[in-house]
């Protein structure tokens, strides 16, 4: 059985952490305006890494929002592909997952 209040709190805390991190990434990206060509090249490389981290964070936020929606409609912990229960161990590792281990491996 899934303990929804704890999972919901875990997801909401992670969501807040991600918002904070993404805000920091945005601020950092906007701060790079060097006029020196060498510094600009280094900043561009750093920007690519930051952009990748931002994209990954945004994807995780979408997954968290979908998990919170499933909690609201009562389908949290049920695989969206096969309808089987998602193991508590899998939810411990990936609390926002919408698929069981079997379906995740099939994709």
PDB file of N, CA and C in Angstrom:
ATOM      1  N   UNK A   1       0.845  -1.191   0.000  1.00  0.00           N
ATOM      2  CA  UNK A   1       0.000   0.000   0.000  1.00  0.00           C
ATOM      3  C   UNK A   1       0.885   1.248   0.000  1.00  0.00           C
ATOM      4  N   UNK A   2       0.542   2.206  -0.806  1.00  0.00           N
ATOM      5  CA  UNK A   2       1.319   3.438  -0.941  1.00  0.00           C
ATOM      6  C   UNK A   2       0.865   4.446   0.113  1.00  0.00           C
ATOM      7  N   UNK A   3       1.817   5.012   0.844  1.00  0.00           N
ATOM      8  CA  UNK A   3       1.518   6.031   1.846  1.00  0.00           C
ATOM      9  C   UNK A   3       1.479   7.386   1.134  1.00  0.00           C
ATOM     10  N   UNK A   4       0.296   7.792   0.689  1.00  0.00           N
ATOM     11  CA  UNK A   4       0.156   8.996  -0.131  1.00  0.00           C
ATOM     12  C   UNK A   4       0.609  10.283   0.546  1.00  0.00           C
ATOM     13  N   UNK A   5       0.263  10.539   1.812  1.00  0.00           N
ATOM     14  CA  UNK A   5       0.720  11.805   2.402  1.00  0.00           C
ATOM     15  C   UNK A   5       2.251  11.953   2.385  1.00  0.00           C
ATOM     16  N   UNK A   6       2.966  10.866   2.693  1.00  0.00           N
ATOM     17  CA  UNK A   6       4.427  10.935   2.655  1.00  0.00           C
ATOM     18  C   UNK A   6       4.946  11.113   1.239  1.00  0.00           C
ATOM     19  N   UNK A   7       4.376  10.381   0.293  1.00  0.00           N
ATOM     20  CA  UNK A   7       4.803  10.503  -1.108  1.00  0.00           C
ATOM     21  C   UNK A   7       4.494  11.910  -1.632  1.00  0.00           C
ATOM     22  N   UNK A   8       3.324  12.401  -1.312  1.00  0.00           N
ATOM     23  CA  UNK A   8       2.952  13.736  -1.775  1.00  0.00           C
ATOM     24  C   UNK A   8       3.911  14.782  -1.215  1.00  0.00           C
ATOM     25  N   UNK A   9       4.222  14.673   0.064  1.00  0.00           N
ATOM     26  CA  UNK A   9       5.159  15.610   0.679  1.00  0.00           C
ATOM     27  C   UNK A   9       6.531  15.500   0.014  1.00  0.00           C
ATOM     28  N   UNK A  10       6.979  14.275  -0.249  1.00  0.00           N
ATOM     29  CA  UNK A  10       8.261  14.052  -0.914  1.00  0.00           C
ATOM     30  C   UNK A  10       8.274  14.718  -2.291  1.00  0.00           C
ATOM     31  N   UNK A  11       7.198  14.544  -3.043  1.00  0.00           N
ATOM     32  CA  UNK A  11       7.121  15.136  -4.378  1.00  0.00           C
ATOM     33  C   UNK A  11       7.063  16.661  -4.320  1.00  0.00           C
ATOM     34  N   UNK A  12       6.316  17.195  -3.381  1.00  0.00           N
ATOM     35  CA  UNK A  12       6.210  18.653  -3.257  1.00  0.00           C
ATOM     36  C   UNK A  12       7.550  19.275  -2.839  1.00  0.00           C
ATOM     37  N   UNK A  13       8.282  18.605  -1.964  1.00  0.00           N
ATOM     38  CA  UNK A  13       9.612  19.095  -1.578  1.00  0.00           C
ATOM     39  C   UNK A  13      10.571  19.072  -2.760  1.00  0.00           C
ATOM     40  N   UNK A  14      10.533  17.978  -3.525  1.00  0.00           N
ATOM     41  CA  UNK A  14      11.402  17.879  -4.697  1.00  0.00           C
ATOM     42  C   UNK A  14      11.030  18.949  -5.723  1.00  0.00           C
ATOM     43  N   UNK A  15       9.746  19.206  -5.875  1.00  0.00           N
ATOM     44  CA  UNK A  15       9.279  20.230  -6.814  1.00  0.00           C
ATOM     45  C   UNK A  15       9.820  21.598  -6.415  1.00  0.00           C
ATOM     46  N   UNK A  16       9.775  21.914  -5.130  1.00  0.00           N
ATOM     47  CA  UNK A  16      10.306  23.193  -4.638  1.00  0.00           C
ATOM     48  C   UNK A  16      11.813  23.283  -4.882  1.00  0.00           C
ATOM     49  N   UNK A  17      12.531  22.182  -4.654  1.00  0.00           N
ATOM     50  CA  UNK A  17      13.976  22.163  -4.915  1.00  0.00           C
ATOM     51  C   UNK A  17      14.265  22.425  -6.389  1.00  0.00           C
ATOM     52  N   UNK A  18      13.491  21.787  -7.257  1.00  0.00           N
ATOM     53  CA  UNK A  18      13.699  21.969  -8.691  1.00  0.00           C
ATOM     54  C   UNK A  18      13.400  23.393  -9.129  1.00  0.00           C
ATOM     55  N   UNK A  19      12.315  23.980  -8.621  1.00  0.00           N
ATOM     56  CA  UNK A  19      12.012  25.372  -8.955  1.00  0.00           C
ATOM     57  C   UNK A  19      13.164  26.281  -8.566  1.00  0.00           C
ATOM     58  N   UNK A  20      13.703  26.075  -7.383  1.00  0.00           N
ATOM     59  CA  UNK A  20      14.826  26.877  -6.906  1.00  0.00           C
ATOM     60  C   UNK A  20      16.044  26.692  -7.805  1.00  0.00           C
ATOM     61  N   UNK A  21      16.337  25.447  -8.138  1.00  0.00           N
ATOM     62  CA  UNK A  21      17.488  25.160  -9.004  1.00  0.00           C
ATOM     63  C   UNK A  21      17.313  25.776 -10.387  1.00  0.00           C
ATOM     64  N   UNK A  22      16.104  25.647 -10.951  1.00  0.00           N
ATOM     65  CA  UNK A  22      15.855  26.204 -12.283  1.00  0.00           C
ATOM     66  C   UNK A  22      15.932  27.724 -12.272  1.00  0.00           C
ATOM     67  N   UNK A  23      15.486  28.347 -11.200  1.00  0.00           N
ATOM     68  CA  UNK A  23      15.606  29.801 -11.089  1.00  0.00           C
ATOM     69  C   UNK A  23      17.082  30.202 -11.068  1.00  0.00           C
ATOM     70  N   UNK A  24      17.893  29.454 -10.319  1.00  0.00           N
ATOM     71  CA  UNK A  24      19.331  29.710 -10.281  1.00  0.00           C
ATOM     72  C   UNK A  24      19.978  29.541 -11.634  1.00  0.00           C
ATOM     73  N   UNK A  25      19.557  28.532 -12.380  1.00  0.00           N
ATOM     74  CA  UNK A  25      20.088  28.308 -13.727  1.00  0.00           C
ATOM     75  C   UNK A  25      19.728  29.480 -14.625  1.00  0.00           C
ATOM     76  N   UNK A  26      18.484  29.929 -14.558  1.00  0.00           N
ATOM     77  CA  UNK A  26      18.064  31.078 -15.373  1.00  0.00           C
ATOM     78  C   UNK A  26      18.899  32.320 -15.053  1.00  0.00           C
ATOM     79  N   UNK A  27      19.104  32.566 -13.774  1.00  0.00           N
ATOM     80  CA  UNK A  27      19.901  33.732 -13.366  1.00  0.00           C
ATOM     81  C   UNK A  27      21.326  33.612 -13.892  1.00  0.00           C
ATOM     82  N   UNK A  28      21.898  32.425 -13.769  1.00  0.00           N
ATOM     83  CA  UNK A  28      23.264  32.201 -14.246  1.00  0.00           C
ATOM     84  C   UNK A  28      23.357  32.384 -15.759  1.00  0.00           C
ATOM     85  N   UNK A  29      22.391  31.867 -16.487  1.00  0.00           N
ATOM     86  CA  UNK A  29      22.407  32.010 -17.953  1.00  0.00           C
ATOM     87  C   UNK A  29      22.306  33.475 -18.363  1.00  0.00           C
ATOM     88  N   UNK A  30      21.506  34.241 -17.652  1.00  0.00           N
ATOM     89  CA  UNK A  30      21.350  35.653 -17.992  1.00  0.00           C
ATOM     90  C   UNK A  30      22.583  36.479 -17.621  1.00  0.00           C
ATOM     91  N   UNK A  31      23.394  35.973 -16.702  1.00  0.00           N
ATOM     92  CA  UNK A  31      24.552  36.741 -16.234  1.00  0.00           C
ATOM     93  C   UNK A  31      25.754  36.640 -17.168  1.00  0.00           C
ATOM     94  N   UNK A  32      25.735  35.706 -18.092  1.00  0.00           N
ATOM     95  CA  UNK A  32      26.880  35.517 -18.977  1.00  0.00           C
ATOM     96  C   UNK A  32      26.832  36.485 -20.152  1.00  0.00           C
ATOM     97  N   UNK A  33      27.611  37.539 -20.054  1.00  0.00           N
ATOM     98  CA  UNK A  33      27.641  38.531 -21.132  1.00  0.00           C
ATOM     99  C   UNK A  33      29.045  39.086 -21.307  1.00  0.00           C
ATOM    100  N   UNK A  34      30.023  38.209 -21.263  1.00  0.00           N
ATOM    101  CA  UNK A  34      31.411  38.630 -21.383  1.00  0.00           C
ATOM    102  C   UNK A  34      31.682  39.206 -22.767  1.00  0.00           C
ATOM    103  N   UNK A  35      32.561  40.190 -22.812  1.00  0.00           N
ATOM    104  CA  UNK A  35      32.948  40.781 -24.094  1.00  0.00           C
ATOM    105  C   UNK A  35      34.249  40.167 -24.617  1.00  0.00           C
ATOM    106  N   UNK A  36      34.949  39.458 -23.762  1.00  0.00           N
ATOM    107  CA  UNK A  36      36.180  38.787 -24.150  1.00  0.00           C
ATOM    108  C   UNK A  36      35.816  37.480 -24.866  1.00  0.00           C
ATOM    109  N   UNK A  37      36.387  37.255 -26.065  1.00  0.00           N
ATOM    110  CA  UNK A  37      36.032  36.101 -26.883  1.00  0.00           C
ATOM    111  C   UNK A  37      36.355  34.777 -26.203  1.00  0.00           C
ATOM    112  N   UNK A  38      37.493  34.693 -25.542  1.00  0.00           N
ATOM    113  CA  UNK A  38      37.857  33.454 -24.862  1.00  0.00           C
ATOM    114  C   UNK A  38      36.904  33.172 -23.700  1.00  0.00           C
ATOM    115  N   UNK A  39      36.637  34.200 -22.918  1.00  0.00           N
ATOM    116  CA  UNK A  39      35.700  34.028 -21.803  1.00  0.00           C
ATOM    117  C   UNK A  39      34.311  33.679 -22.318  1.00  0.00           C
ATOM    118  N   UNK A  40      33.922  34.301 -23.418  1.00  0.00           N
ATOM    119  CA  UNK A  40      32.613  34.026 -24.004  1.00  0.00           C
ATOM    120  C   UNK A  40      32.515  32.565 -24.443  1.00  0.00           C
ATOM    121  N   UNK A  41      33.591  32.032 -25.020  1.00  0.00           N
ATOM    122  CA  UNK A  41      33.593  30.625 -25.448  1.00  0.00           C
ATOM    123  C   UNK A  41      33.418  29.695 -24.246  1.00  0.00           C
ATOM    124  N   UNK A  42      34.104  29.983 -23.159  1.00  0.00           N
ATOM    125  CA  UNK A  42      33.979  29.175 -21.946  1.00  0.00           C
ATOM    126  C   UNK A  42      32.568  29.298 -21.381  1.00  0.00           C
ATOM    127  N   UNK A  43      32.034  30.516 -21.382  1.00  0.00           N
ATOM    128  CA  UNK A  43      30.677  30.727 -20.886  1.00  0.00           C
ATOM    129  C   UNK A  43      29.657  29.959 -21.723  1.00  0.00           C
ATOM    130  N   UNK A  44      29.872  29.913 -23.038  1.00  0.00           N
ATOM    131  CA  UNK A  44      28.948  29.185 -23.923  1.00  0.00           C
ATOM    132  C   UNK A  44      28.947  27.695 -23.589  1.00  0.00           C
ATOM    133  N   UNK A  45      30.126  27.144 -23.318  1.00  0.00           N
ATOM    134  CA  UNK A  45      30.199  25.735 -22.929  1.00  0.00           C
ATOM    135  C   UNK A  45      29.451  25.513 -21.620  1.00  0.00           C
ATOM    136  N   UNK A  46      29.671  26.391 -20.667  1.00  0.00           N
ATOM    137  CA  UNK A  46      28.978  26.281 -19.384  1.00  0.00           C
ATOM    138  C   UNK A  46      27.471  26.440 -19.573  1.00  0.00           C
ATOM    139  N   UNK A  47      27.082  27.323 -20.476  1.00  0.00           N
ATOM    140  CA  UNK A  47      25.663  27.527 -20.749  1.00  0.00           C
ATOM    141  C   UNK A  47      25.015  26.254 -21.284  1.00  0.00           C
ATOM    142  N   UNK A  48      25.724  25.518 -22.132  1.00  0.00           N
ATOM    143  CA  UNK A  48      25.186  24.270 -22.677  1.00  0.00           C
ATOM    144  C   UNK A  48      24.915  23.268 -21.562  1.00  0.00           C
ATOM    145  N   UNK A  49      25.836  23.184 -20.618  1.00  0.00           N
ATOM    146  CA  UNK A  49      25.646  22.281 -19.473  1.00  0.00           C
ATOM    147  C   UNK A  49      24.448  22.747 -18.651  1.00  0.00           C
ATOM    148  N   UNK A  50      24.376  24.049 -18.383  1.00  0.00           N
ATOM    149  CA  UNK A  50      23.261  24.586 -17.604  1.00  0.00           C
ATOM    150  C   UNK A  50      21.922  24.360 -18.314  1.00  0.00           C
ATOM    151  N   UNK A  51      21.911  24.547 -19.618  1.00  0.00           N
ATOM    152  CA  UNK A  51      20.681  24.338 -20.374  1.00  0.00           C
ATOM    153  C   UNK A  51      20.241  22.880 -20.298  1.00  0.00           C
ATOM    154  N   UNK A  52      21.215  21.956 -20.381  1.00  0.00           N
ATOM    155  CA  UNK A  52      20.887  20.532 -20.264  1.00  0.00           C
ATOM    156  C   UNK A  52      20.301  20.230 -18.882  1.00  0.00           C
ATOM    157  N   UNK A  53      20.919  20.782 -17.838  1.00  0.00           N
ATOM    158  CA  UNK A  53      20.398  20.593 -16.483  1.00  0.00           C
ATOM    159  C   UNK A  53      19.000  21.193 -16.343  1.00  0.00           C
ATOM    160  N   UNK A  54      18.786  22.335 -16.967  1.00  0.00           N
ATOM    161  CA  UNK A  54      17.473  22.969 -16.936  1.00  0.00           C
ATOM    162  C   UNK A  54      16.416  22.127 -17.628  1.00  0.00           C
ATOM    163  N   UNK A  55      16.770  21.546 -18.772  1.00  0.00           N
ATOM    164  CA  UNK A  55      15.832  20.686 -19.495  1.00  0.00           C
ATOM    165  C   UNK A  55      15.483  19.450 -18.675  1.00  0.00           C
ATOM    166  N   UNK A  56      16.500  18.842 -18.044  1.00  0.00           N
ATOM    167  CA  UNK A  56      16.262  17.663 -17.211  1.00  0.00           C
ATOM    168  C   UNK A  56      15.373  18.026 -16.015  1.00  0.00           C
ATOM    169  N   UNK A  57      15.620  19.183 -15.415  1.00  0.00           N
ATOM    170  CA  UNK A  57      14.804  19.631 -14.292  1.00  0.00           C
ATOM    171  C   UNK A  57      13.372  19.893 -14.701  1.00  0.00           C
ATOM    172  N   UNK A  58      13.187  20.506 -15.861  1.00  0.00           N
ATOM    173  CA  UNK A  58      11.841  20.783 -16.359  1.00  0.00           C
ATOM    174  C   UNK A  58      11.089  19.485 -16.643  1.00  0.00           C
ATOM    175  N   UNK A  59      11.799  18.485 -17.178  1.00  0.00           N
ATOM    176  CA  UNK A  59      11.175  17.187 -17.441  1.00  0.00           C
ATOM    177  C   UNK A  59      10.746  16.542 -16.124  1.00  0.00           C
ATOM    178  N   UNK A  60      11.616  16.593 -15.115  1.00  0.00           N
ATOM    179  CA  UNK A  60      11.267  16.015 -13.813  1.00  0.00           C
ATOM    180  C   UNK A  60      10.069  16.740 -13.203  1.00  0.00           C
ATOM    181  N   UNK A  61      10.003  18.057 -13.365  1.00  0.00           N
ATOM    182  CA  UNK A  61       8.844  18.810 -12.863  1.00  0.00           C
ATOM    183  C   UNK A  61       7.548  18.335 -13.518  1.00  0.00           C
ATOM    184  N   UNK A  62       7.591  18.094 -14.817  1.00  0.00           N
ATOM    185  CA  UNK A  62       6.393  17.594 -15.512  1.00  0.00           C
ATOM    186  C   UNK A  62       5.980  16.227 -14.966  1.00  0.00           C
ATOM    187  N   UNK A  63       6.979  15.359 -14.726  1.00  0.00           N
ATOM    188  CA  UNK A  63       6.683  14.035 -14.184  1.00  0.00           C
ATOM    189  C   UNK A  63       6.094  14.132 -12.774  1.00  0.00           C
ATOM    190  N   UNK A  64       6.617  15.044 -11.976  1.00  0.00           N
ATOM    191  CA  UNK A  64       6.092  15.254 -10.619  1.00  0.00           C
ATOM    192  C   UNK A  64       4.649  15.748 -10.684  1.00  0.00           C
ATOM    193  N   UNK A  65       4.379  16.708 -11.558  1.00  0.00           N
ATOM    194  CA  UNK A  65       3.010  17.213 -11.694  1.00  0.00           C
ATOM    195  C   UNK A  65       2.044  16.104 -12.123  1.00  0.00           C
ATOM    196  N   UNK A  66       2.487  15.243 -13.026  1.00  0.00           N
ATOM    197  CA  UNK A  66       1.628  14.133 -13.454  1.00  0.00           C
ATOM    198  C   UNK A  66       1.388  13.161 -12.293  1.00  0.00           C
ATOM    199  N   UNK A  67       2.426  12.915 -11.478  1.00  0.00           N
ATOM    200  CA  UNK A  67       2.258  12.030 -10.317  1.00  0.00           C
ATOM    201  C   UNK A  67       1.280  12.641  -9.317  1.00  0.00           C
ATOM    202  N   UNK A  68       1.397  13.942  -9.095  1.00  0.00           N
ATOM    203  CA  UNK A  68       0.469  14.619  -8.182  1.00  0.00           C
ATOM    204  C   UNK A  68      -0.963  14.553  -8.714  1.00  0.00           C
ATOM    205  N   UNK A  69      -1.124  14.663 -10.029  1.00  0.00           N
ATOM    206  CA  UNK A  69      -2.450  14.516 -10.638  1.00  0.00           C
ATOM    207  C   UNK A  69      -2.996  13.104 -10.409  1.00  0.00           C
ATOM    208  N   UNK A  70      -2.118  12.087 -10.551  1.00  0.00           N
ATOM    209  CA  UNK A  70      -2.557  10.707 -10.320  1.00  0.00           C
ATOM    210  C   UNK A  70      -2.956  10.505  -8.854  1.00  0.00           C
ATOM    211  N   UNK A  71      -2.247  11.187  -7.953  1.00  0.00           N
ATOM    212  CA  UNK A  71      -2.633  11.113  -6.541  1.00  0.00           C
ATOM    213  C   UNK A  71      -4.030  11.688  -6.347  1.00  0.00           C
ATOM    214  N   UNK A  72      -4.306  12.787  -7.016  1.00  0.00           N
ATOM    215  CA  UNK A  72      -5.613  13.444  -6.893  1.00  0.00           C
ATOM    216  C   UNK A  72      -6.744  12.581  -7.433  1.00  0.00           C
ATOM    217  N   UNK A  73      -6.468  11.874  -8.534  1.00  0.00           N
ATOM    218  CA  UNK A  73      -7.551  11.078  -9.124  1.00  0.00           C
ATOM    219  C   UNK A  73      -7.574   9.625  -8.641  1.00  0.00           C
ATOM    220  N   UNK A  74      -6.652   9.278  -7.729  1.00  0.00           N
ATOM    221  CA  UNK A  74      -6.660   7.946  -7.133  1.00  0.00           C
ATOM    222  C   UNK A  74      -5.939   6.873  -7.920  1.00  0.00           C
ATOM    223  N   UNK A  75      -5.231   7.253  -8.979  1.00  0.00           N
ATOM    224  CA  UNK A  75      -4.550   6.243  -9.791  1.00  0.00           C
ATOM    225  C   UNK A  75      -3.046   6.155  -9.510  1.00  0.00           C
ATOM    226  N   UNK A  76      -2.560   6.887  -8.524  1.00  0.00           N
ATOM    227  CA  UNK A  76      -1.133   6.844  -8.194  1.00  0.00           C
ATOM    228  C   UNK A  76      -0.751   5.441  -7.727  1.00  0.00           C
ATOM    229  N   UNK A  77       0.378   4.963  -8.206  1.00  0.00           N
ATOM    230  CA  UNK A  77       0.858   3.638  -7.831  1.00  0.00           C
ATOM    231  C   UNK A  77       0.350   2.535  -8.732  1.00  0.00           C
ATOM    232  N   UNK A  78      -0.442   2.903  -9.726  1.00  0.00           N
ATOM    233  CA  UNK A  78      -0.955   1.962 -10.715  1.00  0.00           C
ATOM    234  C   UNK A  78      -0.296   2.294 -12.057  1.00  0.00           C
ATOM    235  N   UNK A  79       0.256   1.279 -12.708  1.00  0.00           N
ATOM    236  CA  UNK A  79       0.944   1.476 -13.985  1.00  0.00           C
ATOM    237  C   UNK A  79      -0.032   2.017 -15.026  1.00  0.00           C
ATOM    238  N   UNK A  80       0.376   3.095 -15.696  1.00  0.00           N
ATOM    239  CA  UNK A  80      -0.485   3.708 -16.703  1.00  0.00           C
ATOM    240  C   UNK A  80      -0.517   2.903 -18.002  1.00  0.00           C
ATOM    241  N   UNK A  81       0.389   1.913 -18.125  1.00  0.00           N
ATOM    242  CA  UNK A  81       0.396   1.098 -19.343  1.00  0.00           C
ATOM    243  C   UNK A  81      -0.359  -0.215 -19.181  1.00  0.00           C
ATOM    244  N   UNK A  82      -0.074  -0.941 -18.087  1.00  0.00           N
ATOM    245  CA  UNK A  82      -0.677  -2.275 -17.940  1.00  0.00           C
ATOM    246  C   UNK A  82      -1.729  -2.361 -16.842  1.00  0.00           C
ATOM    247  N   UNK A  83      -1.800  -1.343 -15.977  1.00  0.00           N
ATOM    248  CA  UNK A  83      -2.792  -1.337 -14.916  1.00  0.00           C
ATOM    249  C   UNK A  83      -2.403  -2.109 -13.670  1.00  0.00           C
ATOM    250  N   UNK A  84      -1.212  -2.679 -13.657  1.00  0.00           N
ATOM    251  CA  UNK A  84      -0.734  -3.403 -12.474  1.00  0.00           C
ATOM    252  C   UNK A  84      -0.205  -2.417 -11.439  1.00  0.00           C
ATOM    253  N   UNK A  85      -0.129  -2.875 -10.193  1.00  0.00           N
ATOM    254  CA  UNK A  85       0.390  -2.043  -9.113  1.00  0.00           C
ATOM    255  C   UNK A  85       1.904  -1.867  -9.287  1.00  0.00           C
ATOM    256  N   UNK A  86       2.389  -0.643  -9.080  1.00  0.00           N
ATOM    257  CA  UNK A  86       3.824  -0.344  -9.108  1.00  0.00           C
ATOM    258  C   UNK A  86       4.377  -0.671  -7.725  1.00  0.00           C
ATOM    259  N   UNK A  87       5.492  -1.384  -7.675  1.00  0.00           N
ATOM    260  CA  UNK A  87       6.037  -1.805  -6.387  1.00  0.00           C
ATOM    261  C   UNK A  87       6.457  -0.605  -5.536  1.00  0.00           C
ATOM    262  N   UNK A  88       6.335  -0.763  -4.240  1.00  0.00           N
ATOM    263  CA  UNK A  88       6.743   0.293  -3.302  1.00  0.00           C
ATOM    264  C   UNK A  88       8.228   0.591  -3.448  1.00  0.00           C
ATOM    265  N   UNK A  89       9.029  -0.445  -3.729  1.00  0.00           N
ATOM    266  CA  UNK A  89      10.468  -0.232  -3.908  1.00  0.00           C
ATOM    267  C   UNK A  89      10.742   0.679  -5.101  1.00  0.00           C
ATOM    268  N   UNK A  90      10.001   0.486  -6.176  1.00  0.00           N
ATOM    269  CA  UNK A  90      10.186   1.346  -7.362  1.00  0.00           C
ATOM    270  C   UNK A  90       9.745   2.778  -7.049  1.00  0.00           C
ATOM    271  N   UNK A  91       8.643   2.917  -6.331  1.00  0.00           N
ATOM    272  CA  UNK A  91       8.168   4.250  -5.963  1.00  0.00           C
ATOM    273  C   UNK A  91       9.111   4.927  -4.972  1.00  0.00           C
ATOM    274  N   UNK A  92       9.809   4.128  -4.156  1.00  0.00           N
ATOM    275  CA  UNK A  92      10.818   4.701  -3.257  1.00  0.00           C
ATOM    276  C   UNK A  92      11.936   5.366  -4.059  1.00  0.00           C
ATOM    277  N   UNK A  93      12.305   4.752  -5.166  1.00  0.00           N
ATOM    278  CA  UNK A  93      13.407   5.257  -5.996  1.00  0.00           C
ATOM    279  C   UNK A  93      12.924   6.346  -6.947  1.00  0.00           C
ATOM    280  N   UNK A  94      11.777   6.117  -7.564  1.00  0.00           N
ATOM    281  CA  UNK A  94      11.206   7.052  -8.546  1.00  0.00           C
ATOM    282  C   UNK A  94       9.769   7.382  -8.149  1.00  0.00           C
ATOM    283  N   UNK A  95       9.576   8.247  -7.167  1.00  0.00           N
ATOM    284  CA  UNK A  95       8.218   8.499  -6.680  1.00  0.00           C
ATOM    285  C   UNK A  95       7.287   9.108  -7.721  1.00  0.00           C
ATOM    286  N   UNK A  96       7.823   9.621  -8.805  1.00  0.00           N
ATOM    287  CA  UNK A  96       6.991  10.224  -9.846  1.00  0.00           C
ATOM    288  C   UNK A  96       6.711   9.275 -11.010  1.00  0.00           C
ATOM    289  N   UNK A  97       7.209   8.044 -10.933  1.00  0.00           N
ATOM    290  CA  UNK A  97       7.034   7.129 -12.054  1.00  0.00           C
ATOM    291  C   UNK A  97       5.572   6.788 -12.261  1.00  0.00           C
ATOM    292  N   UNK A  98       5.219   6.579 -13.506  1.00  0.00           N
ATOM    293  CA  UNK A  98       3.861   6.184 -13.836  1.00  0.00           C
ATOM    294  C   UNK A  98       3.791   4.767 -14.394  1.00  0.00           C
ATOM    295  N   UNK A  99       4.946   4.095 -14.461  1.00  0.00           N
ATOM    296  CA  UNK A  99       4.968   2.744 -15.037  1.00  0.00           C
ATOM    297  C   UNK A  99       5.683   1.768 -14.103  1.00  0.00           C
ATOM    298  N   UNK A 100       5.245   0.534 -14.160  1.00  0.00           N
ATOM    299  CA  UNK A 100       5.865  -0.528 -13.372  1.00  0.00           C
ATOM    300  C   UNK A 100       7.213  -0.907 -13.993  1.00  0.00           C
ATOM    301  N   UNK A 101       7.963  -1.704 -13.288  1.00  0.00           N
ATOM    302  CA  UNK A 101       9.291  -2.114 -13.750  1.00  0.00           C
ATOM    303  C   UNK A 101       9.213  -2.875 -15.076  1.00  0.00           C
ATOM    304  N   UNK A 102       8.228  -3.739 -15.222  1.00  0.00           N
ATOM    305  CA  UNK A 102       8.087  -4.534 -16.437  1.00  0.00           C
ATOM    306  C   UNK A 102       7.852  -3.633 -17.643  1.00  0.00           C
ATOM    307  N   UNK A 103       6.916  -2.698 -17.517  1.00  0.00           N
ATOM    308  CA  UNK A 103       6.610  -1.803 -18.639  1.00  0.00           C
ATOM    309  C   UNK A 103       7.759  -0.836 -18.923  1.00  0.00           C
ATOM    310  N   UNK A 104       8.471  -0.410 -17.884  1.00  0.00           N
ATOM    311  CA  UNK A 104       9.610   0.478 -18.085  1.00  0.00           C
ATOM    312  C   UNK A 104      10.701  -0.240 -18.876  1.00  0.00           C
ATOM    313  N   UNK A 105      10.887  -1.528 -18.630  1.00  0.00           N
ATOM    314  CA  UNK A 105      11.890  -2.302 -19.338  1.00  0.00           C
ATOM    315  C   UNK A 105      11.490  -2.624 -20.770  1.00  0.00           C
ATOM    316  N   UNK A 106      10.193  -2.634 -21.030  1.00  0.00           N
ATOM    317  CA  UNK A 106       9.697  -2.949 -22.373  1.00  0.00           C
ATOM    318  C   UNK A 106       9.799  -1.758 -23.315  1.00  0.00           C
ATOM    319  N   UNK A 107       9.944  -0.550 -22.753  1.00  0.00           N
ATOM    320  CA  UNK A 107       9.941   0.665 -23.577  1.00  0.00           C
ATOM    321  C   UNK A 107      11.259   0.950 -24.081  1.00  0.00           C
TER     322      UNK A 107
END
